[in-house]
Amino acid sequence: MNITELKEKIGEKPKTRPVPNMNDVPNGHPAKTMATENDALLKLVENIEKNLQSNWNEIVKEFNKLLGIERHYGKKEKLFMAVLYHRGVTGPSGGMWDADDEIKNEIRAIAKELKDSEDENLRNRIKNVLKRVKLMVRAETESFLPTSFRFFTDTDWLEIYRDSFEIGAAFTENIALWEEGEKFRNAPKKTESLENNKLTFQTGELTLKELKAIMKFLPVDITFIDKDETLKFFFNERHTFDRPELIIGKSVYGCHPSKIFAAVEKMMEDFKSKKRRCVKQIQMIASRPTAVDYIAVYDEEDEYIGTVEIVEDCSRAFEYFKLKEKKKVKKEKINPCNI
């Protein structure tokens, strides 16, 4: 899809808004949070540069803090850029995500080598990546954030604030609270419902047809047992275990041999008392490595309402890592979907 087609798909750009002075932006506002994180990031960069020719132990300690850039770039890419693209604005974020990835990858690579190496080549790599970090801070400050101010609506900012907590703070202890954003964040959630063959959740909506199709292609089998140990539902497209329909509405104990009744009963008791909240097993089933997870399910009041069993054939993952190990020397890329 080219840029013209993208713009046609996501619609026209909204009317632009004035860009405020950052000093006038309230604390906790997403743009102010990004600017605050950048200030802290520049101080960290300065400290690393100061020690670059002398204190290697201090470099190791401080450079590892740079890994927090994942959360800073994460907010920019998953929140800010998502809104900009929705508004039909493809610059300046067009090439920025690729540059972010290059910076993150180099920081990760250097962090892995720091403890085992103290050579000039590594120092030069640190200098270069710090230079790129500073250039990106400048790009965010002079172009990216002003562009966001011009095109974001009030609701855009509130939604970005709400979702920032999912990603977390970078280079600061916590995300600063924004009074207006907190009102939005704590407002009553969207009512969940089923109307006109459509399921509405707080995180979106699906038709029953869409939900069934999604579940059909999940790489797991799912079984739900209610609080009374009655098997209420299963989805068994992978057929790791036999699941005849006649077991629906019957006791879970009728699905297991008597020799494990005590173990099943103990697990259910632990789930109800919250002594345990999950039981995980890895076993060979039909010569395939299989993960079986039993997970306690609780409602909004943390009351036990049942247990979900999730069964996953792990053969593909095992094969992937075997092939990866064999081809490591050749550095060949492996597509897991082809295994």
C-alpha atoms as a PDB file:
ATOM      1  CA  MET A   1       0.000   0.000   0.000  1.00  0.00           C
ATOM      2  CA  ASN A   2       1.487   3.371  -0.994  1.00  0.00           C
ATOM      3  CA  ILE A   3       1.114   6.620   0.959  1.00  0.00           C
ATOM      4  CA  THR A   4      -1.787   7.878  -1.186  1.00  0.00           C
ATOM      5  CA  GLU A   5      -3.723   4.648  -0.665  1.00  0.00           C
ATOM      6  CA  LEU A   6      -2.948   4.779   3.066  1.00  0.00           C
ATOM      7  CA  LYS A   7      -4.325   8.315   3.320  1.00  0.00           C
ATOM      8  CA  GLU A   8      -7.473   7.304   1.455  1.00  0.00           C
ATOM      9  CA  LYS A   9      -7.914   4.339   3.816  1.00  0.00           C
ATOM     10  CA  ILE A  10      -7.474   6.220   7.080  1.00  0.00           C
ATOM     11  CA  GLY A  11      -9.148   9.458   6.032  1.00  0.00           C
ATOM     12  CA  GLU A  12      -8.307  13.125   5.765  1.00  0.00           C
ATOM     13  CA  LYS A  13      -6.118  14.951   8.250  1.00  0.00           C
ATOM     14  CA  PRO A  14      -8.028  16.950  10.874  1.00  0.00           C
ATOM     15  CA  LYS A  15      -7.650  20.694  11.211  1.00  0.00           C
ATOM     16  CA  THR A  16      -4.353  21.546  12.829  1.00  0.00           C
ATOM     17  CA  ARG A  17      -4.055  23.020  16.303  1.00  0.00           C
ATOM     18  CA  PRO A  18      -1.519  25.443  17.785  1.00  0.00           C
ATOM     19  CA  VAL A  19       1.645  24.062  19.367  1.00  0.00           C
ATOM     20  CA  PRO A  20       1.921  25.145  23.022  1.00  0.00           C
ATOM     21  CA  ASN A  21       5.089  25.996  24.882  1.00  0.00           C
ATOM     22  CA  MET A  22       6.109  22.842  26.757  1.00  0.00           C
ATOM     23  CA  ASN A  23       6.409  24.891  29.962  1.00  0.00           C
ATOM     24  CA  ASP A  24       2.661  25.527  29.755  1.00  0.00           C
ATOM     25  CA  VAL A  25       1.791  21.832  29.334  1.00  0.00           C
ATOM     26  CA  PRO A  26       0.598  20.289  32.627  1.00  0.00           C
ATOM     27  CA  ASN A  27       2.631  17.602  34.355  1.00  0.00           C
ATOM     28  CA  GLY A  28       1.474  14.112  33.431  1.00  0.00           C
ATOM     29  CA  HIS A  29       0.263  15.153  29.989  1.00  0.00           C
ATOM     30  CA  PRO A  30       1.673  12.516  27.579  1.00  0.00           C
ATOM     31  CA  ALA A  31       3.769  15.058  25.677  1.00  0.00           C
ATOM     32  CA  LYS A  32       5.189  16.415  28.934  1.00  0.00           C
ATOM     33  CA  THR A  33       5.959  12.860  30.052  1.00  0.00           C
ATOM     34  CA  MET A  34       7.868  12.203  26.807  1.00  0.00           C
ATOM     35  CA  ALA A  35       9.794  15.458  27.228  1.00  0.00           C
ATOM     36  CA  THR A  36      10.598  14.652  30.878  1.00  0.00           C
ATOM     37  CA  GLU A  37      11.832  11.205  29.889  1.00  0.00           C
ATOM     38  CA  ASN A  38      14.025  12.768  27.206  1.00  0.00           C
ATOM     39  CA  ASP A  39      15.557  15.144  29.763  1.00  0.00           C
ATOM     40  CA  ALA A  40      16.383  12.188  32.011  1.00  0.00           C
ATOM     41  CA  LEU A  41      17.709  10.250  29.017  1.00  0.00           C
ATOM     42  CA  LEU A  42      20.076  13.078  28.050  1.00  0.00           C
ATOM     43  CA  LYS A  43      21.428  13.212  31.619  1.00  0.00           C
ATOM     44  CA  LEU A  44      22.072   9.471  31.475  1.00  0.00           C
ATOM     45  CA  VAL A  45      23.843   9.834  28.121  1.00  0.00           C
ATOM     46  CA  GLU A  46      25.965  12.663  29.522  1.00  0.00           C
ATOM     47  CA  ASN A  47      26.993  10.529  32.499  1.00  0.00           C
ATOM     48  CA  ILE A  48      28.004   7.609  30.241  1.00  0.00           C
ATOM     49  CA  GLU A  49      30.029   9.918  28.003  1.00  0.00           C
ATOM     50  CA  LYS A  50      31.754  11.400  31.049  1.00  0.00           C
ATOM     51  CA  ASN A  51      33.003   7.953  32.125  1.00  0.00           C
ATOM     52  CA  LEU A  52      33.745   6.604  28.670  1.00  0.00           C
ATOM     53  CA  GLN A  53      37.518   6.946  28.884  1.00  0.00           C
ATOM     54  CA  SER A  54      37.974   6.070  32.545  1.00  0.00           C
ATOM     55  CA  ASN A  55      35.512   4.159  34.741  1.00  0.00           C
ATOM     56  CA  TRP A  56      34.469   1.008  32.872  1.00  0.00           C
ATOM     57  CA  ASN A  57      32.462  -0.427  35.797  1.00  0.00           C
ATOM     58  CA  GLU A  58      30.430   2.763  35.939  1.00  0.00           C
ATOM     59  CA  ILE A  59      29.847   2.565  32.174  1.00  0.00           C
ATOM     60  CA  VAL A  60      28.498  -0.972  32.521  1.00  0.00           C
ATOM     61  CA  LYS A  61      26.166   0.104  35.318  1.00  0.00           C
ATOM     62  CA  GLU A  62      24.889   3.232  33.570  1.00  0.00           C
ATOM     63  CA  PHE A  63      24.700   1.811  30.049  1.00  0.00           C
ATOM     64  CA  ASN A  64      22.336  -0.955  31.186  1.00  0.00           C
ATOM     65  CA  LYS A  65      19.896   1.776  32.246  1.00  0.00           C
ATOM     66  CA  LEU A  66      19.640   2.688  28.567  1.00  0.00           C
ATOM     67  CA  LEU A  67      17.586  -0.475  28.055  1.00  0.00           C
ATOM     68  CA  GLY A  68      14.712   1.584  29.447  1.00  0.00           C
ATOM     69  CA  ILE A  69      14.580   3.259  26.048  1.00  0.00           C
ATOM     70  CA  GLU A  70      12.361   0.331  24.990  1.00  0.00           C
ATOM     71  CA  ARG A  71       9.501   1.797  27.059  1.00  0.00           C
ATOM     72  CA  HIS A  72      10.085   5.351  25.828  1.00  0.00           C
ATOM     73  CA  TYR A  73      10.115   4.308  22.183  1.00  0.00           C
ATOM     74  CA  GLY A  74       7.262   1.898  22.924  1.00  0.00           C
ATOM     75  CA  LYS A  75       4.956   4.766  23.925  1.00  0.00           C
ATOM     76  CA  LYS A  76       6.029   6.764  20.889  1.00  0.00           C
ATOM     77  CA  GLU A  77       5.506   3.902  18.427  1.00  0.00           C
ATOM     78  CA  LYS A  78       2.436   2.123  19.814  1.00  0.00           C
ATOM     79  CA  LEU A  79       0.528   5.204  20.983  1.00  0.00           C
ATOM     80  CA  PHE A  80       1.686   8.415  19.292  1.00  0.00           C
ATOM     81  CA  MET A  81       2.461   6.928  15.884  1.00  0.00           C
ATOM     82  CA  ALA A  82      -0.754   4.900  15.873  1.00  0.00           C
ATOM     83  CA  VAL A  83      -2.774   8.100  16.258  1.00  0.00           C
ATOM     84  CA  LEU A  84      -0.712  10.008  13.690  1.00  0.00           C
ATOM     85  CA  TYR A  85      -1.258   7.302  11.085  1.00  0.00           C
ATOM     86  CA  HIS A  86      -4.956   7.259  11.923  1.00  0.00           C
ATOM     87  CA  ARG A  87      -4.978  11.010  11.254  1.00  0.00           C
ATOM     88  CA  GLY A  88      -3.274  10.483   7.894  1.00  0.00           C
ATOM     89  CA  VAL A  89       0.041  11.971   9.076  1.00  0.00           C
ATOM     90  CA  THR A  90       2.920   9.796   7.917  1.00  0.00           C
ATOM     91  CA  GLY A  91       5.779  12.172   8.645  1.00  0.00           C
ATOM     92  CA  PRO A  92       7.955  12.629  10.675  1.00  0.00           C
ATOM     93  CA  SER A  93       7.245   9.164  12.044  1.00  0.00           C
ATOM     94  CA  GLY A  94       7.697   7.478   8.631  1.00  0.00           C
ATOM     95  CA  GLY A  95      11.333   6.457   9.085  1.00  0.00           C
ATOM     96  CA  MET A  96      11.521   7.042  12.815  1.00  0.00           C
ATOM     97  CA  TRP A  97      10.319   3.563  13.834  1.00  0.00           C
ATOM     98  CA  ASP A  98      13.062   1.920  11.767  1.00  0.00           C
ATOM     99  CA  ALA A  99      15.646   4.198  13.369  1.00  0.00           C
ATOM    100  CA  ASP A 100      14.252   3.375  16.817  1.00  0.00           C
ATOM    101  CA  ASP A 101      14.648  -0.348  16.117  1.00  0.00           C
ATOM    102  CA  GLU A 102      18.262   0.121  15.007  1.00  0.00           C
ATOM    103  CA  ILE A 103      19.059   2.060  18.178  1.00  0.00           C
ATOM    104  CA  LYS A 104      17.331  -0.485  20.434  1.00  0.00           C
ATOM    105  CA  ASN A 105      19.047  -3.419  18.726  1.00  0.00           C
ATOM    106  CA  GLU A 106      22.481  -1.826  19.087  1.00  0.00           C
ATOM    107  CA  ILE A 107      21.901  -0.954  22.749  1.00  0.00           C
ATOM    108  CA  ARG A 108      20.856  -4.557  23.456  1.00  0.00           C
ATOM    109  CA  ALA A 109      23.875  -5.932  21.591  1.00  0.00           C
ATOM    110  CA  ILE A 110      26.326  -3.651  23.405  1.00  0.00           C
ATOM    111  CA  ALA A 111      24.746  -4.411  26.807  1.00  0.00           C
ATOM    112  CA  LYS A 112      25.367  -8.124  26.252  1.00  0.00           C
ATOM    113  CA  GLU A 113      29.048  -7.552  25.450  1.00  0.00           C
ATOM    114  CA  LEU A 114      29.880  -4.999  28.152  1.00  0.00           C
ATOM    115  CA  LYS A 115      30.772  -7.388  30.979  1.00  0.00           C
ATOM    116  CA  ASP A 116      33.138  -9.452  28.835  1.00  0.00           C
ATOM    117  CA  SER A 117      34.875  -6.741  26.883  1.00  0.00           C
ATOM    118  CA  GLU A 118      36.629  -3.427  27.346  1.00  0.00           C
ATOM    119  CA  ASP A 119      38.132  -2.710  23.938  1.00  0.00           C
ATOM    120  CA  GLU A 120      38.290   0.413  21.825  1.00  0.00           C
ATOM    121  CA  ASN A 121      35.848  -0.948  19.274  1.00  0.00           C
ATOM    122  CA  LEU A 122      33.152  -1.265  21.931  1.00  0.00           C
ATOM    123  CA  ARG A 123      33.839   2.263  23.159  1.00  0.00           C
ATOM    124  CA  ASN A 124      33.383   3.546  19.589  1.00  0.00           C
ATOM    125  CA  ARG A 125      30.117   1.667  19.253  1.00  0.00           C
ATOM    126  CA  ILE A 126      28.900   3.228  22.505  1.00  0.00           C
ATOM    127  CA  LYS A 127      29.865   6.696  21.221  1.00  0.00           C
ATOM    128  CA  ASN A 128      27.989   6.109  17.981  1.00  0.00           C
ATOM    129  CA  VAL A 129      24.797   4.818  19.556  1.00  0.00           C
ATOM    130  CA  LEU A 130      24.787   7.660  22.105  1.00  0.00           C
ATOM    131  CA  LYS A 131      25.088  10.105  19.216  1.00  0.00           C
ATOM    132  CA  ARG A 132      22.068   8.493  17.549  1.00  0.00           C
ATOM    133  CA  VAL A 133      20.110   8.624  20.812  1.00  0.00           C
ATOM    134  CA  LYS A 134      20.766  12.377  21.109  1.00  0.00           C
ATOM    135  CA  LEU A 135      19.742  12.959  17.502  1.00  0.00           C
ATOM    136  CA  MET A 136      16.493  11.090  18.120  1.00  0.00           C
ATOM    137  CA  VAL A 137      15.785  13.214  21.213  1.00  0.00           C
ATOM    138  CA  ARG A 138      16.261  16.281  19.047  1.00  0.00           C
ATOM    139  CA  ALA A 139      13.943  14.887  16.354  1.00  0.00           C
ATOM    140  CA  GLU A 140      11.247  14.138  18.937  1.00  0.00           C
ATOM    141  CA  THR A 141      11.576  17.574  20.523  1.00  0.00           C
ATOM    142  CA  GLU A 142      11.727  19.678  17.361  1.00  0.00           C
ATOM    143  CA  SER A 143       9.475  17.699  15.035  1.00  0.00           C
ATOM    144  CA  PHE A 144       7.615  14.688  16.439  1.00  0.00           C
ATOM    145  CA  LEU A 145       5.982  16.229  19.520  1.00  0.00           C
ATOM    146  CA  PRO A 146       5.047  19.504  17.760  1.00  0.00           C
ATOM    147  CA  THR A 147       3.452  17.466  14.953  1.00  0.00           C
ATOM    148  CA  SER A 148       1.497  15.496  17.557  1.00  0.00           C
ATOM    149  CA  PHE A 149       0.221  18.716  19.132  1.00  0.00           C
ATOM    150  CA  ARG A 150      -0.934  19.979  15.744  1.00  0.00           C
ATOM    151  CA  PHE A 151      -2.977  16.909  14.849  1.00  0.00           C
ATOM    152  CA  PHE A 152      -4.103  15.236  18.095  1.00  0.00           C
ATOM    153  CA  THR A 153      -7.552  15.870  19.557  1.00  0.00           C
ATOM    154  CA  ASP A 154      -8.233  16.211  23.274  1.00  0.00           C
ATOM    155  CA  THR A 155      -9.575  12.648  23.282  1.00  0.00           C
ATOM    156  CA  ASP A 156      -6.396  11.390  21.585  1.00  0.00           C
ATOM    157  CA  TRP A 157      -4.291  12.767  24.429  1.00  0.00           C
ATOM    158  CA  LEU A 158      -6.591  11.278  27.065  1.00  0.00           C
ATOM    159  CA  GLU A 159      -6.474   7.830  25.430  1.00  0.00           C
ATOM    160  CA  ILE A 160      -2.676   7.989  25.112  1.00  0.00           C
ATOM    161  CA  TYR A 161      -2.420   8.898  28.801  1.00  0.00           C
ATOM    162  CA  ARG A 162      -4.673   5.984  29.777  1.00  0.00           C
ATOM    163  CA  ASP A 163      -2.697   3.465  27.715  1.00  0.00           C
ATOM    164  CA  SER A 164       0.751   4.778  28.733  1.00  0.00           C
ATOM    165  CA  PHE A 165       0.463   2.865  32.000  1.00  0.00           C
ATOM    166  CA  GLU A 166       0.299  -0.390  30.032  1.00  0.00           C
ATOM    167  CA  ILE A 167       3.810   0.320  28.682  1.00  0.00           C
ATOM    168  CA  GLY A 168       5.305   2.019  31.715  1.00  0.00           C
ATOM    169  CA  ALA A 169       7.720   4.816  32.591  1.00  0.00           C
ATOM    170  CA  ALA A 170      11.214   5.210  31.150  1.00  0.00           C
ATOM    171  CA  PHE A 171      14.139   6.832  32.983  1.00  0.00           C
ATOM    172  CA  THR A 172      11.736   8.027  35.707  1.00  0.00           C
ATOM    173  CA  GLU A 173      10.289   6.040  38.588  1.00  0.00           C
ATOM    174  CA  ASN A 174       6.643   6.438  37.577  1.00  0.00           C
ATOM    175  CA  ILE A 175       4.467   8.106  34.969  1.00  0.00           C
ATOM    176  CA  ALA A 176       3.386  11.436  36.443  1.00  0.00           C
ATOM    177  CA  LEU A 177      -0.342  11.752  37.076  1.00  0.00           C
ATOM    178  CA  TRP A 178      -2.409  14.161  34.988  1.00  0.00           C
ATOM    179  CA  GLU A 179      -5.580  15.364  36.702  1.00  0.00           C
ATOM    180  CA  GLU A 180      -7.664  15.503  33.536  1.00  0.00           C
ATOM    181  CA  GLY A 181      -6.282  12.175  32.372  1.00  0.00           C
ATOM    182  CA  GLU A 182      -7.053  10.521  35.711  1.00  0.00           C
ATOM    183  CA  LYS A 183     -10.719  11.525  35.413  1.00  0.00           C
ATOM    184  CA  PHE A 184     -10.828   9.900  31.985  1.00  0.00           C
ATOM    185  CA  ARG A 185      -8.873   6.860  33.140  1.00  0.00           C
ATOM    186  CA  ASN A 186     -11.198   6.243  36.088  1.00  0.00           C
ATOM    187  CA  ALA A 187     -14.456   6.996  34.279  1.00  0.00           C
ATOM    188  CA  PRO A 188     -17.024   4.157  34.059  1.00  0.00           C
ATOM    189  CA  LYS A 189     -15.945   1.559  31.491  1.00  0.00           C
ATOM    190  CA  LYS A 190     -17.873   0.609  28.393  1.00  0.00           C
ATOM    191  CA  THR A 191     -20.738  -1.715  29.289  1.00  0.00           C
ATOM    192  CA  GLU A 192     -20.155  -5.274  28.143  1.00  0.00           C
ATOM    193  CA  SER A 193     -23.109  -6.732  26.292  1.00  0.00           C
ATOM    194  CA  LEU A 194     -24.427  -9.109  23.643  1.00  0.00           C
ATOM    195  CA  GLU A 195     -26.791  -7.452  21.198  1.00  0.00           C
ATOM    196  CA  ASN A 196     -27.633  -8.144  17.570  1.00  0.00           C
ATOM    197  CA  ASN A 197     -25.189 -11.053  17.439  1.00  0.00           C
ATOM    198  CA  LYS A 198     -22.366  -8.739  18.553  1.00  0.00           C
ATOM    199  CA  LEU A 199     -20.258  -9.094  21.714  1.00  0.00           C
ATOM    200  CA  THR A 200     -19.133  -5.765  23.163  1.00  0.00           C
ATOM    201  CA  PHE A 201     -16.119  -5.799  25.501  1.00  0.00           C
ATOM    202  CA  GLN A 202     -14.258  -2.945  27.192  1.00  0.00           C
ATOM    203  CA  THR A 203     -11.468  -3.511  24.660  1.00  0.00           C
ATOM    204  CA  GLY A 204     -13.565  -3.705  21.485  1.00  0.00           C
ATOM    205  CA  GLU A 205     -16.291  -5.761  19.863  1.00  0.00           C
ATOM    206  CA  LEU A 206     -16.702  -8.924  17.812  1.00  0.00           C
ATOM    207  CA  THR A 207     -19.558 -10.695  16.125  1.00  0.00           C
ATOM    208  CA  LEU A 208     -20.125 -14.294  17.195  1.00  0.00           C
ATOM    209  CA  LYS A 209     -19.006 -15.343  13.711  1.00  0.00           C
ATOM    210  CA  GLU A 210     -15.707 -13.485  14.116  1.00  0.00           C
ATOM    211  CA  LEU A 211     -15.130 -14.889  17.605  1.00  0.00           C
ATOM    212  CA  LYS A 212     -15.777 -18.452  16.458  1.00  0.00           C
ATOM    213  CA  ALA A 213     -13.405 -18.013  13.490  1.00  0.00           C
ATOM    214  CA  ILE A 214     -10.663 -16.616  15.748  1.00  0.00           C
ATOM    215  CA  MET A 215     -10.974 -19.497  18.190  1.00  0.00           C
ATOM    216  CA  LYS A 216     -10.860 -22.010  15.359  1.00  0.00           C
ATOM    217  CA  PHE A 217      -7.386 -20.832  14.411  1.00  0.00           C
ATOM    218  CA  LEU A 218      -5.932 -20.477  17.900  1.00  0.00           C
ATOM    219  CA  PRO A 219      -3.094 -23.003  18.363  1.00  0.00           C
ATOM    220  CA  VAL A 220      -4.655 -24.300  21.588  1.00  0.00           C
ATOM    221  CA  ASP A 221      -7.577 -26.382  22.862  1.00  0.00           C
ATOM    222  CA  ILE A 222      -9.687 -24.708  25.552  1.00  0.00           C
ATOM    223  CA  THR A 223     -11.969 -26.284  28.162  1.00  0.00           C
ATOM    224  CA  PHE A 224     -13.902 -24.457  30.906  1.00  0.00           C
ATOM    225  CA  ILE A 225     -15.099 -26.076  34.137  1.00  0.00           C
ATOM    226  CA  ASP A 226     -17.397 -23.971  36.326  1.00  0.00           C
ATOM    227  CA  LYS A 227     -17.206 -23.459  40.114  1.00  0.00           C
ATOM    228  CA  ASP A 228     -19.323 -26.575  40.679  1.00  0.00           C
ATOM    229  CA  GLU A 229     -16.843 -28.773  38.737  1.00  0.00           C
ATOM    230  CA  THR A 230     -19.221 -29.042  35.777  1.00  0.00           C
ATOM    231  CA  LEU A 231     -17.701 -29.052  32.303  1.00  0.00           C
ATOM    232  CA  LYS A 232     -19.471 -26.106  30.659  1.00  0.00           C
ATOM    233  CA  PHE A 233     -17.603 -25.512  27.397  1.00  0.00           C
ATOM    234  CA  PHE A 234     -14.780 -26.717  25.186  1.00  0.00           C
ATOM    235  CA  PHE A 235     -13.153 -25.782  21.914  1.00  0.00           C
ATOM    236  CA  ASN A 236     -11.130 -28.673  20.606  1.00  0.00           C
ATOM    237  CA  GLU A 237      -9.848 -27.902  17.095  1.00  0.00           C
ATOM    238  CA  ARG A 238      -6.370 -29.377  17.803  1.00  0.00           C
ATOM    239  CA  HIS A 239      -7.821 -32.664  19.218  1.00  0.00           C
ATOM    240  CA  THR A 240      -4.934 -33.225  21.625  1.00  0.00           C
ATOM    241  CA  PHE A 241      -7.449 -34.923  23.938  1.00  0.00           C
ATOM    242  CA  ASP A 242     -10.746 -36.497  22.944  1.00  0.00           C
ATOM    243  CA  ARG A 243     -13.653 -34.203  23.794  1.00  0.00           C
ATOM    244  CA  PRO A 244     -17.043 -35.787  22.919  1.00  0.00           C
ATOM    245  CA  GLU A 245     -19.971 -33.358  23.094  1.00  0.00           C
ATOM    246  CA  LEU A 246     -21.886 -35.548  25.556  1.00  0.00           C
ATOM    247  CA  ILE A 247     -19.522 -34.522  28.377  1.00  0.00           C
ATOM    248  CA  ILE A 248     -20.908 -30.961  28.308  1.00  0.00           C
ATOM    249  CA  GLY A 249     -22.916 -30.308  31.464  1.00  0.00           C
ATOM    250  CA  LYS A 250     -21.428 -33.290  33.297  1.00  0.00           C
ATOM    251  CA  SER A 251     -18.980 -33.531  36.194  1.00  0.00           C
ATOM    252  CA  VAL A 252     -15.320 -32.976  35.352  1.00  0.00           C
ATOM    253  CA  TYR A 253     -14.521 -36.157  37.285  1.00  0.00           C
ATOM    254  CA  GLY A 254     -16.261 -38.176  34.597  1.00  0.00           C
ATOM    255  CA  CYS A 255     -13.547 -37.023  32.161  1.00  0.00           C
ATOM    256  CA  HIS A 256     -10.658 -38.478  34.194  1.00  0.00           C
ATOM    257  CA  PRO A 257      -9.626 -41.902  35.486  1.00  0.00           C
ATOM    258  CA  SER A 258     -10.400 -42.507  39.156  1.00  0.00           C
ATOM    259  CA  LYS A 259      -6.706 -42.706  40.066  1.00  0.00           C
ATOM    260  CA  ILE A 260      -6.325 -38.934  39.566  1.00  0.00           C
ATOM    261  CA  PHE A 261      -9.632 -37.873  41.204  1.00  0.00           C
ATOM    262  CA  ALA A 262      -7.782 -36.854  44.378  1.00  0.00           C
ATOM    263  CA  ALA A 263      -5.304 -34.693  42.442  1.00  0.00           C
ATOM    264  CA  VAL A 264      -8.087 -32.953  40.483  1.00  0.00           C
ATOM    265  CA  GLU A 265     -10.111 -32.371  43.649  1.00  0.00           C
ATOM    266  CA  LYS A 266      -7.076 -30.945  45.479  1.00  0.00           C
ATOM    267  CA  MET A 267      -6.336 -28.596  42.579  1.00  0.00           C
ATOM    268  CA  MET A 268      -9.938 -27.300  42.556  1.00  0.00           C
ATOM    269  CA  GLU A 269      -9.862 -26.795  46.337  1.00  0.00           C
ATOM    270  CA  ASP A 270      -6.591 -24.854  46.057  1.00  0.00           C
ATOM    271  CA  PHE A 271      -8.029 -22.685  43.291  1.00  0.00           C
ATOM    272  CA  LYS A 272     -11.118 -21.875  45.375  1.00  0.00           C
ATOM    273  CA  SER A 273      -9.030 -21.018  48.453  1.00  0.00           C
ATOM    274  CA  LYS A 274      -6.463 -19.155  46.287  1.00  0.00           C
ATOM    275  CA  LYS A 275      -3.688 -21.324  47.686  1.00  0.00           C
ATOM    276  CA  ARG A 276      -2.742 -21.849  44.039  1.00  0.00           C
ATOM    277  CA  ARG A 277      -3.941 -19.981  40.964  1.00  0.00           C
ATOM    278  CA  CYS A 278      -2.491 -22.176  38.244  1.00  0.00           C
ATOM    279  CA  VAL A 279      -0.976 -25.585  37.588  1.00  0.00           C
ATOM    280  CA  LYS A 280       1.355 -26.037  34.641  1.00  0.00           C
ATOM    281  CA  GLN A 281       2.474 -29.312  33.118  1.00  0.00           C
ATOM    282  CA  ILE A 282       4.728 -30.285  30.228  1.00  0.00           C
ATOM    283  CA  GLN A 283       4.256 -33.850  29.071  1.00  0.00           C
ATOM    284  CA  MET A 284       4.605 -36.062  26.016  1.00  0.00           C
ATOM    285  CA  ILE A 285       1.203 -36.787  24.497  1.00  0.00           C
ATOM    286  CA  ALA A 286       1.090 -38.940  21.353  1.00  0.00           C
ATOM    287  CA  SER A 287       4.884 -38.429  21.078  1.00  0.00           C
ATOM    288  CA  ARG A 288       4.462 -34.648  21.043  1.00  0.00           C
ATOM    289  CA  PRO A 289       5.744 -32.223  23.706  1.00  0.00           C
ATOM    290  CA  THR A 290       2.544 -30.681  25.068  1.00  0.00           C
ATOM    291  CA  ALA A 291       1.879 -27.880  27.550  1.00  0.00           C
ATOM    292  CA  VAL A 292      -1.217 -28.260  29.713  1.00  0.00           C
ATOM    293  CA  ASP A 293      -2.159 -25.239  31.851  1.00  0.00           C
ATOM    294  CA  TYR A 294      -4.952 -25.255  34.435  1.00  0.00           C
ATOM    295  CA  ILE A 295      -5.759 -21.657  35.347  1.00  0.00           C
ATOM    296  CA  ALA A 296      -8.161 -20.503  38.071  1.00  0.00           C
ATOM    297  CA  VAL A 297     -10.684 -17.928  36.849  1.00  0.00           C
ATOM    298  CA  TYR A 298     -11.962 -15.188  39.157  1.00  0.00           C
ATOM    299  CA  ASP A 299     -14.546 -12.443  38.597  1.00  0.00           C
ATOM    300  CA  GLU A 300     -14.232  -8.697  39.239  1.00  0.00           C
ATOM    301  CA  GLU A 301     -14.695  -9.284  42.982  1.00  0.00           C
ATOM    302  CA  ASP A 302     -11.957 -11.942  42.926  1.00  0.00           C
ATOM    303  CA  GLU A 303     -14.520 -14.694  43.521  1.00  0.00           C
ATOM    304  CA  TYR A 304     -13.719 -18.075  42.005  1.00  0.00           C
ATOM    305  CA  ILE A 305     -15.969 -18.890  39.028  1.00  0.00           C
ATOM    306  CA  GLY A 306     -14.168 -21.833  37.477  1.00  0.00           C
ATOM    307  CA  THR A 307     -11.068 -23.284  35.852  1.00  0.00           C
ATOM    308  CA  VAL A 308      -9.887 -23.044  32.279  1.00  0.00           C
ATOM    309  CA  GLU A 309      -7.675 -25.765  30.806  1.00  0.00           C
ATOM    310  CA  ILE A 310      -5.434 -24.700  27.929  1.00  0.00           C
ATOM    311  CA  VAL A 311      -3.641 -27.398  25.954  1.00  0.00           C
ATOM    312  CA  GLU A 312      -0.916 -26.508  23.444  1.00  0.00           C
ATOM    313  CA  ASP A 313       1.161 -28.720  21.177  1.00  0.00           C
ATOM    314  CA  CYS A 314       4.724 -27.354  21.559  1.00  0.00           C
ATOM    315  CA  SER A 315       6.267 -29.439  18.759  1.00  0.00           C
ATOM    316  CA  ARG A 316       6.716 -26.485  16.443  1.00  0.00           C
ATOM    317  CA  ALA A 317       8.594 -24.477  19.056  1.00  0.00           C
ATOM    318  CA  PHE A 318      10.866 -27.449  19.836  1.00  0.00           C
ATOM    319  CA  GLU A 319      11.566 -27.983  16.122  1.00  0.00           C
ATOM    320  CA  TYR A 320      12.224 -24.288  15.599  1.00  0.00           C
ATOM    321  CA  PHE A 321      14.946 -24.169  18.244  1.00  0.00           C
ATOM    322  CA  LYS A 322      16.484 -27.420  16.982  1.00  0.00           C
ATOM    323  CA  LEU A 323      16.707 -25.999  13.461  1.00  0.00           C
ATOM    324  CA  LYS A 324      17.967 -22.677  14.771  1.00  0.00           C
ATOM    325  CA  GLU A 325      20.777 -24.431  16.643  1.00  0.00           C
ATOM    326  CA  LYS A 326      21.749 -26.479  13.579  1.00  0.00           C
ATOM    327  CA  LYS A 327      21.756 -23.465  11.259  1.00  0.00           C
ATOM    328  CA  LYS A 328      23.379 -21.041  13.662  1.00  0.00           C
ATOM    329  CA  VAL A 329      26.734 -21.328  11.919  1.00  0.00           C
ATOM    330  CA  LYS A 330      25.171 -20.507   8.548  1.00  0.00           C
ATOM    331  CA  LYS A 331      23.117 -17.680  10.130  1.00  0.00           C
ATOM    332  CA  GLU A 332      20.110 -18.682   8.065  1.00  0.00           C
ATOM    333  CA  LYS A 333      16.729 -17.158   8.874  1.00  0.00           C
ATOM    334  CA  ILE A 334      14.013 -19.633   9.763  1.00  0.00           C
ATOM    335  CA  ASN A 335      10.320 -18.954   9.265  1.00  0.00           C
ATOM    336  CA  PRO A 336       8.467 -20.729  12.120  1.00  0.00           C
ATOM    337  CA  CYS A 337       5.309 -20.830   9.988  1.00  0.00           C
ATOM    338  CA  ASN A 338       7.057 -23.240   7.613  1.00  0.00           C
ATOM    339  CA  ILE A 339       7.902 -25.792  10.299  1.00  0.00           C
END
